[in-house]
Amino acid sequence: MSKRFIIIVLDGFGIGAMGDAKVMRPGDEKANTLRSLLHDHPELKLPTLEKLGLMNAYGAESAQMKFNPQANFGKSELMHFGADTFMGHQEIMGTLPRRPEAHPFQQKVDLVAQHLKDHGHQVKIVQRQGLRYVVCDEFVTIADNLEADLGMCYNVTAPLDFISFESEVEIAERVREVVTVSRVIVFGGTGNTMQDLYQAEEIKQGRFIGIASAKSKSYEQGYQCRHLGYGVNKAVQVPTILTKAQIPCMLIGKVADIVANDLGTSISCVPTEECLQLTYEALQKMDTGFICTNVQETDLAGHSQDSAEYVRILKQADAGLARILPLLTEEDILIVQADHGNDPNIGSSRHTRECVPLLIYRKGLTGVRIGTRRTMADNGATCCDFFGVNAPENGTSYLSLLQ
């Protein structure tokens, strides 16, 4: 019997601040992405999302969009700390978030260097103005990330004409074993050299030293990147569990860049219409399996603090969903959700700590309420339950409510 489980993430599409936002992210207690969009565009009409129960999950009606008593819906809090796309998707896939630490790479130079030496790597420590960073196997720099909040991430950077990306990732995985920051970001490109990396050195606040990503010329040609999150174990996540059980798994959009799917199919793309077209085509070909698609452009509009652009993208997503629904049978389950908020009117360009909608479609199923879930991992747990495979490490299945 064919059966598909589909999750479509409208990145950054929150429906109201979490109760802990005032403590966890001061300022976010005022956040409500959907409310801001409706304030700026009161005539907004999203017929497919309205049918799926968007206003039910939001808890209020607008001039153009009403409650649907037939909808299956709920909402979810975030279990990860902050409001993060990377950790949000790890949570959806069943990861139990661990609280990372933030500190300059200076505090970990000796630990990282020794750990790499212990595993047979050649290590050199570069010193500039009293600050240090590591060069491993001649071509891999390990230092502070200068683009994110300082102290939150470390970068592992290499010119890939001189060392393979696979070898660079192995080094990054050793770094990940001994550091507790949120992310170790490993990347590189072709056509550049170590001289380009050294010329991209920058110091910030007198405490952080790193290779400025854009100046390193890594993005210009042959770019490859992987994010290694703190406490993220792919073996206990939905894609690895499913594919090891011979159940096809496809990741489309930004989720393809940030979630491990070694035995499945991952397609990275950004344009909303393309992401949903790829989802449509995958459903036409897939008899049984899991698809997760990330619509990133909503999040990008939030970062730009541009509610008009946000609405334009939502309308594209709504139209794409309208094409997808007729492909689904009584055996399929579709969840439309977000991963955090990104209120364009909050006064900053950062994500917002908001609850997210959970809109559920199963042909013939009506009027089901799944309540407020404590973690988005409940969706991953429900997916594994749906396919009768081992549960991920986190989350509680609500499949029994959808039978």
Protein backbone atom coordinates (compact mmCIF):
# COMPACT_ATOMS: atom_id res chain seq x y z
CA MET A 1 0.00 0.00 0.00
CA SER A 2 1.38 3.37 -0.98
CA LYS A 3 1.67 6.01 1.74
CA ARG A 4 3.50 9.32 1.90
CA PHE A 5 4.29 11.66 4.80
CA ILE A 6 5.01 15.24 3.75
CA ILE A 7 6.18 18.19 5.86
CA ILE A 8 6.27 21.65 4.26
CA VAL A 9 8.03 24.26 6.38
CA LEU A 10 7.15 27.91 5.74
CA ASP A 11 10.38 29.20 7.26
CA GLY A 12 9.90 31.96 9.83
CA PHE A 13 6.06 31.95 9.75
CA GLY A 14 5.24 32.28 13.46
CA ILE A 15 1.80 32.86 15.00
CA GLY A 16 2.64 34.51 18.33
CA ALA A 17 5.37 34.75 20.94
CA MET A 18 6.09 31.78 23.19
CA GLY A 19 5.39 32.24 26.89
CA ASP A 20 9.11 32.19 27.71
CA ALA A 21 10.11 34.73 25.06
CA LYS A 22 10.52 37.60 27.53
CA VAL A 23 13.14 35.61 29.43
CA MET A 24 14.71 33.64 26.57
CA ARG A 25 14.84 36.45 23.99
CA PRO A 26 13.86 39.83 25.46
CA GLY A 27 11.88 41.84 22.93
CA ASP A 28 10.40 38.76 21.29
CA GLU A 29 7.47 38.75 23.71
CA LYS A 30 5.86 41.30 21.33
CA ALA A 31 6.46 39.16 18.24
CA ASN A 32 3.67 37.79 16.06
CA THR A 33 4.62 37.34 12.43
CA LEU A 34 1.12 36.63 11.11
CA ARG A 35 -0.38 39.51 13.10
CA SER A 36 2.18 41.92 11.60
CA LEU A 37 1.42 40.72 8.08
CA LEU A 38 -2.33 41.14 8.63
CA HIS A 39 -1.78 44.58 10.15
CA ASP A 40 0.12 45.75 7.07
CA HIS A 41 -2.07 43.82 4.59
CA PRO A 42 -5.57 43.43 6.12
CA GLU A 43 -6.99 42.18 2.82
CA LEU A 44 -4.55 39.26 2.67
CA LYS A 45 -6.23 36.12 1.34
CA LEU A 46 -4.47 32.73 1.41
CA PRO A 47 -7.28 30.35 0.44
CA THR A 48 -5.35 27.08 0.76
CA LEU A 49 -3.80 27.90 4.12
CA GLU A 50 -7.20 29.18 5.28
CA LYS A 51 -8.75 25.84 4.24
CA LEU A 52 -6.00 23.99 6.11
CA GLY A 53 -6.84 25.88 9.31
CA LEU A 54 -4.34 28.72 9.51
CA MET A 55 -6.74 31.03 11.32
CA ASN A 56 -7.82 28.22 13.65
CA ALA A 57 -4.19 27.74 14.70
CA TYR A 58 -3.70 31.52 14.96
CA GLY A 59 -6.79 31.83 17.14
CA ALA A 60 -8.48 34.76 15.38
CA GLU A 61 -10.08 35.62 12.07
CA SER A 62 -9.15 38.45 9.71
CA ALA A 63 -11.16 40.50 7.25
CA GLN A 64 -10.62 37.94 4.50
CA MET A 65 -9.68 34.69 6.28
CA LYS A 66 -11.96 32.77 8.63
CA PHE A 67 -11.94 29.68 10.83
CA ASN A 68 -12.55 26.37 9.06
CA PRO A 69 -14.48 23.93 11.30
CA GLN A 70 -13.35 21.06 9.03
CA ALA A 71 -9.63 21.78 9.50
CA ASN A 72 -7.17 19.57 11.39
CA PHE A 73 -4.80 21.79 13.30
CA GLY A 74 -2.71 22.61 16.35
CA LYS A 75 0.39 24.59 17.13
CA SER A 76 3.81 23.88 18.55
CA GLU A 77 6.24 25.51 20.89
CA LEU A 78 9.98 25.40 20.19
CA MET A 79 12.09 23.16 22.40
CA HIS A 80 15.42 24.40 21.05
CA PHE A 81 17.01 27.45 22.64
CA GLY A 82 16.40 30.71 20.81
CA ALA A 83 14.81 30.70 17.36
CA ASP A 84 17.00 29.00 14.82
CA THR A 85 16.42 27.48 11.37
CA PHE A 86 19.21 24.93 11.75
CA MET A 87 18.20 23.69 15.20
CA GLY A 88 14.52 24.09 14.34
CA HIS A 89 14.86 21.54 11.56
CA GLN A 90 16.96 19.21 13.72
CA GLU A 91 14.12 19.39 16.25
CA ILE A 92 11.49 18.62 13.60
CA MET A 93 13.54 15.56 12.63
CA GLY A 94 13.45 14.25 16.19
CA THR A 95 16.53 15.70 17.87
CA LEU A 96 16.41 16.49 21.60
CA PRO A 97 17.98 19.96 21.71
CA ARG A 98 20.94 20.52 24.03
CA ARG A 99 21.80 23.99 25.21
CA PRO A 100 25.00 25.18 23.51
CA GLU A 101 27.57 27.52 25.02
CA ALA A 102 29.06 30.66 23.53
CA HIS A 103 32.72 31.59 23.87
CA PRO A 104 35.66 32.75 21.73
CA PHE A 105 37.71 30.10 19.96
CA GLN A 106 40.63 31.31 22.09
CA GLN A 107 39.23 29.22 24.94
CA LYS A 108 39.35 26.04 22.82
CA VAL A 109 42.54 26.42 20.72
CA ASP A 110 44.69 24.09 22.83
CA LEU A 111 41.91 21.51 23.30
CA VAL A 112 41.15 21.37 19.57
CA ALA A 113 44.84 21.28 18.59
CA GLN A 114 45.57 18.40 20.97
CA HIS A 115 42.48 16.43 19.91
CA LEU A 116 43.50 16.71 16.25
CA LYS A 117 47.09 15.67 17.05
CA ASP A 118 45.77 12.71 19.02
CA HIS A 119 43.98 11.56 15.87
CA GLY A 120 47.05 11.79 13.66
CA HIS A 121 46.64 15.23 12.14
CA GLN A 122 49.37 17.78 11.54
CA VAL A 123 48.62 20.96 13.50
CA LYS A 124 50.03 24.49 13.35
CA ILE A 125 48.87 27.38 15.53
CA VAL A 126 48.78 30.80 13.88
CA GLN A 127 49.19 33.84 16.17
CA ARG A 128 48.10 37.37 15.33
CA GLN A 129 48.01 40.28 17.80
CA GLY A 130 47.92 37.92 20.73
CA LEU A 131 45.08 35.81 19.30
CA ARG A 132 45.47 32.28 17.98
CA TYR A 133 43.77 29.89 15.59
CA VAL A 134 44.51 26.43 14.20
CA VAL A 135 45.68 25.28 10.76
CA CYS A 136 45.29 21.53 10.32
CA ASP A 137 46.97 19.39 7.63
CA GLU A 138 48.32 22.56 5.95
CA PHE A 139 45.05 23.64 4.32
CA VAL A 140 42.26 23.70 6.92
CA THR A 141 41.75 26.74 9.16
CA ILE A 142 39.74 26.46 12.40
CA ALA A 143 38.73 29.77 13.95
CA ASP A 144 35.85 31.98 15.04
CA ASN A 145 32.84 32.52 12.81
CA LEU A 146 32.65 36.29 12.31
CA GLU A 147 29.24 36.44 10.61
CA ALA A 148 26.90 35.00 13.28
CA ASP A 149 26.59 36.25 16.87
CA LEU A 150 30.21 36.20 18.03
CA GLY A 151 31.11 33.13 20.05
CA MET A 152 28.16 31.07 18.79
CA CYS A 153 29.90 29.23 15.93
CA TYR A 154 33.33 28.16 14.72
CA ASN A 155 34.30 27.99 11.05
CA VAL A 156 36.38 25.27 9.41
CA THR A 157 37.55 26.64 6.06
CA ALA A 158 39.72 25.21 3.26
CA PRO A 159 40.67 25.80 -0.40
CA LEU A 160 39.26 22.66 -1.98
CA ASP A 161 41.79 22.46 -4.82
CA PHE A 162 44.31 21.35 -2.18
CA ILE A 163 42.27 19.09 0.11
CA SER A 164 39.03 17.20 -0.45
CA PHE A 165 35.81 18.37 1.14
CA GLU A 166 35.43 14.90 2.66
CA SER A 167 38.80 15.25 4.41
CA GLU A 168 37.86 18.73 5.61
CA VAL A 169 34.57 17.39 7.02
CA GLU A 170 36.46 14.65 8.90
CA ILE A 171 38.59 17.33 10.56
CA ALA A 172 35.48 19.38 11.38
CA GLU A 173 33.86 16.33 12.96
CA ARG A 174 36.88 16.00 15.27
CA VAL A 175 36.47 19.66 16.23
CA ARG A 176 32.77 19.05 16.87
CA GLU A 177 33.65 16.25 19.30
CA VAL A 178 35.32 18.63 21.76
CA VAL A 179 33.56 22.01 21.42
CA THR A 180 30.18 23.03 22.80
CA VAL A 181 29.24 26.04 20.66
CA SER A 182 26.00 25.89 18.69
CA ARG A 183 27.55 25.09 15.33
CA VAL A 184 30.76 24.08 13.58
CA ILE A 185 30.38 25.25 9.99
CA VAL A 186 32.65 23.49 7.50
CA PHE A 187 32.96 24.95 4.01
CA GLY A 188 35.28 25.67 1.13
CA GLY A 189 35.49 26.45 -2.54
CA THR A 190 37.78 25.96 -5.50
CA GLY A 191 39.90 28.52 -7.30
CA ASN A 192 41.26 30.08 -4.11
CA THR A 193 44.42 29.42 -2.06
CA MET A 194 45.67 29.55 1.52
CA GLN A 195 46.95 33.04 0.73
CA ASP A 196 43.37 34.12 0.08
CA LEU A 197 42.34 32.69 3.43
CA TYR A 198 45.16 34.42 5.29
CA GLN A 199 44.31 37.71 3.58
CA ALA A 200 40.72 37.29 4.83
CA GLU A 201 41.79 37.17 8.49
CA GLU A 202 39.87 39.57 10.70
CA ILE A 203 39.81 40.37 14.41
CA LYS A 204 36.63 41.60 16.14
CA GLN A 205 36.25 43.08 19.61
CA GLY A 206 39.88 42.15 20.31
CA ARG A 207 38.71 38.63 21.32
CA PHE A 208 37.56 36.91 18.14
CA ILE A 209 39.74 35.95 15.18
CA GLY A 210 38.57 34.23 12.03
CA ILE A 211 38.57 34.02 8.26
CA ALA A 212 35.91 36.37 6.88
CA SER A 213 33.81 34.03 4.75
CA ALA A 214 33.06 36.33 1.81
CA LYS A 215 36.64 37.65 1.63
CA SER A 216 38.06 34.11 1.55
CA LYS A 217 36.76 33.67 -2.05
CA SER A 218 35.19 30.37 -0.97
CA TYR A 219 31.80 31.34 -2.41
CA GLU A 220 33.02 32.16 -5.89
CA GLN A 221 33.51 28.67 -7.31
CA GLY A 222 32.91 25.04 -6.29
CA TYR A 223 31.37 26.01 -2.94
CA GLN A 224 30.48 23.20 -0.52
CA CYS A 225 29.18 23.57 3.01
CA ARG A 226 27.95 21.49 5.94
CA HIS A 227 26.67 22.53 9.37
CA LEU A 228 27.55 20.36 12.36
CA GLY A 229 25.20 21.20 15.22
CA TYR A 230 25.82 20.71 18.91
CA GLY A 231 24.19 17.53 20.17
CA VAL A 232 22.89 16.57 16.72
CA ASN A 233 23.10 12.84 16.04
CA LYS A 234 21.83 11.95 12.58
CA ALA A 235 21.39 8.29 13.57
CA VAL A 236 18.36 9.16 15.73
CA GLN A 237 16.71 11.48 13.18
CA VAL A 238 13.85 10.74 10.79
CA PRO A 239 15.81 10.63 7.47
CA THR A 240 18.44 8.17 8.72
CA ILE A 241 15.88 5.99 10.51
CA LEU A 242 13.65 5.85 7.42
CA THR A 243 16.33 5.28 4.81
CA LYS A 244 17.93 2.50 6.87
CA ALA A 245 14.49 0.86 6.76
CA GLN A 246 14.48 1.24 2.94
CA ILE A 247 11.85 3.97 3.03
CA PRO A 248 12.67 6.73 0.51
CA CYS A 249 13.41 10.17 1.95
CA MET A 250 13.60 13.41 -0.03
CA LEU A 251 14.65 16.80 1.33
CA ILE A 252 13.93 19.87 -0.82
CA GLY A 253 15.05 23.48 -0.31
CA LYS A 254 17.14 24.74 2.59
CA VAL A 255 16.42 21.62 4.64
CA ALA A 256 18.61 19.75 2.13
CA ASP A 257 21.57 21.87 3.26
CA ILE A 258 21.15 21.44 6.99
CA VAL A 259 19.72 17.96 7.70
CA ALA A 260 21.73 14.77 7.14
CA ASN A 261 20.19 12.44 4.54
CA ASP A 262 23.09 10.24 3.47
CA LEU A 263 21.00 7.45 1.93
CA GLY A 264 18.20 9.63 0.56
CA THR A 265 17.79 12.41 -2.01
CA SER A 266 18.52 16.03 -1.13
CA ILE A 267 17.83 18.90 -3.54
CA SER A 268 18.99 22.37 -2.53
CA CYS A 269 17.08 25.31 -4.00
CA VAL A 270 15.69 28.68 -2.88
CA PRO A 271 12.91 29.99 -5.20
CA THR A 272 9.53 29.18 -3.63
CA GLU A 273 7.82 28.20 -6.86
CA GLU A 274 10.70 25.86 -7.73
CA CYS A 275 10.71 24.23 -4.29
CA LEU A 276 6.99 23.50 -4.49
CA GLN A 277 7.22 22.37 -8.12
CA LEU A 278 9.92 19.88 -7.11
CA THR A 279 7.65 18.70 -4.31
CA TYR A 280 4.76 18.30 -6.76
CA GLU A 281 6.95 16.29 -9.16
CA ALA A 282 8.32 14.13 -6.34
CA LEU A 283 4.79 13.25 -5.22
CA GLN A 284 3.87 12.26 -8.77
CA LYS A 285 6.75 9.78 -8.81
CA MET A 286 6.88 8.62 -5.19
CA ASP A 287 4.71 5.66 -4.22
CA THR A 288 5.78 5.48 -0.57
CA GLY A 289 8.14 7.75 1.36
CA PHE A 290 8.88 10.94 3.24
CA ILE A 291 9.29 14.44 1.78
CA CYS A 292 10.31 17.55 3.70
CA THR A 293 10.38 20.86 1.84
CA ASN A 294 11.60 24.19 3.22
CA VAL A 295 10.23 27.44 1.79
CA GLN A 296 13.09 29.77 2.68
CA GLU A 297 11.97 32.99 1.01
CA THR A 298 9.42 33.75 3.74
CA ASP A 299 12.31 33.84 6.21
CA LEU A 300 14.40 35.99 3.88
CA ALA A 301 11.53 38.49 3.65
CA GLY A 302 11.34 38.58 7.43
CA HIS A 303 15.07 39.26 7.66
CA SER A 304 14.56 42.10 5.16
CA GLN A 305 11.74 43.46 7.35
CA ASP A 306 9.62 43.59 4.20
CA SER A 307 6.03 42.56 4.88
CA ALA A 308 4.98 43.15 1.26
CA GLU A 309 7.62 40.70 0.02
CA TYR A 310 6.62 38.26 2.76
CA VAL A 311 3.00 38.37 1.57
CA ARG A 312 4.07 37.90 -2.06
CA ILE A 313 5.99 34.74 -1.13
CA LEU A 314 3.12 33.42 1.01
CA LYS A 315 0.79 33.76 -1.97
CA GLN A 316 3.24 31.73 -4.08
CA ALA A 317 3.40 29.08 -1.37
CA ASP A 318 -0.38 29.01 -1.06
CA ALA A 319 -0.74 28.45 -4.81
CA GLY A 320 1.87 25.69 -4.71
CA LEU A 321 0.00 23.96 -1.88
CA ALA A 322 -3.23 24.18 -3.86
CA ARG A 323 -1.61 22.10 -6.61
CA ILE A 324 -0.24 19.54 -4.16
CA LEU A 325 -3.43 18.72 -2.21
CA PRO A 326 -5.21 16.90 -5.09
CA LEU A 327 -2.24 14.49 -5.36
CA LEU A 328 -2.82 13.19 -1.82
CA THR A 329 -4.89 10.15 -0.87
CA GLU A 330 -6.49 8.89 2.36
CA GLU A 331 -3.19 7.08 3.07
CA ASP A 332 -1.07 10.25 2.95
CA ILE A 333 -0.43 12.86 5.64
CA LEU A 334 0.64 16.45 4.94
CA ILE A 335 1.82 18.84 7.65
CA VAL A 336 2.32 22.54 6.91
CA GLN A 337 4.28 24.28 9.66
CA ALA A 338 7.05 26.75 10.46
CA ASP A 339 10.31 26.42 12.40
CA HIS A 340 10.25 29.74 14.34
CA GLY A 341 9.00 33.27 13.71
CA ASN A 342 10.48 36.18 11.77
CA ASP A 343 8.26 39.17 12.51
CA PRO A 344 9.02 41.83 9.88
CA ASN A 345 7.76 44.60 12.20
CA ILE A 346 9.66 43.69 15.37
CA GLY A 347 12.34 46.32 14.69
CA SER A 348 15.24 43.96 14.06
CA SER A 349 16.23 41.53 11.33
CA ARG A 350 16.61 38.48 13.57
CA HIS A 351 14.34 35.48 14.05
CA THR A 352 11.61 35.67 16.70
CA ARG A 353 10.76 33.06 19.33
CA GLU A 354 7.18 32.22 18.37
CA CYS A 355 4.84 29.26 18.38
CA VAL A 356 4.34 27.77 14.93
CA PRO A 357 1.17 26.53 13.23
CA LEU A 358 0.63 22.82 12.60
CA LEU A 359 -1.85 22.42 9.75
CA ILE A 360 -2.63 18.79 8.91
CA TYR A 361 -4.27 17.41 5.79
CA ARG A 362 -5.40 13.85 5.32
CA LYS A 363 -8.08 13.27 2.73
CA GLY A 364 -11.38 12.50 4.46
CA LEU A 365 -10.14 13.54 7.91
CA THR A 366 -11.88 16.58 9.42
CA GLY A 367 -12.14 18.52 12.66
CA VAL A 368 -9.13 17.06 14.50
CA ARG A 369 -7.36 19.23 17.08
CA ILE A 370 -3.92 18.14 18.21
CA GLY A 371 -3.54 20.96 20.73
CA THR A 372 -0.33 22.75 21.63
CA ARG A 373 2.70 20.49 21.30
CA ARG A 374 5.72 21.06 23.53
CA THR A 375 8.17 20.30 20.72
CA MET A 376 8.21 20.20 16.93
CA ALA A 377 9.84 16.77 17.31
CA ASP A 378 6.30 15.43 17.75
CA ASN A 379 6.05 15.70 13.96
CA GLY A 380 9.13 13.54 13.44
CA ALA A 381 7.84 11.03 16.01
CA THR A 382 4.48 10.92 14.23
CA CYS A 383 6.24 10.33 10.90
CA CYS A 384 8.21 7.37 12.26
CA ASP A 385 5.06 5.96 13.88
CA PHE A 386 3.26 6.34 10.53
CA PHE A 387 5.88 4.14 8.82
CA GLY A 388 6.18 1.68 11.72
CA VAL A 389 9.89 2.27 12.30
CA ASN A 390 11.96 3.13 15.38
CA ALA A 391 11.09 6.43 17.04
CA PRO A 392 13.57 9.34 16.97
CA GLU A 393 15.19 10.37 20.25
CA ASN A 394 12.62 13.09 20.96
CA GLY A 395 8.93 13.75 20.47
CA THR A 396 5.56 12.10 21.09
CA SER A 397 3.53 10.73 18.19
CA TYR A 398 -0.03 12.00 17.73
CA LEU A 399 -0.75 9.54 14.90
CA SER A 400 -3.65 8.00 16.86
CA LEU A 401 -5.52 11.30 16.51
CA LEU A 402 -5.19 11.16 12.72
CA GLN A 403 -6.53 7.63 12.11
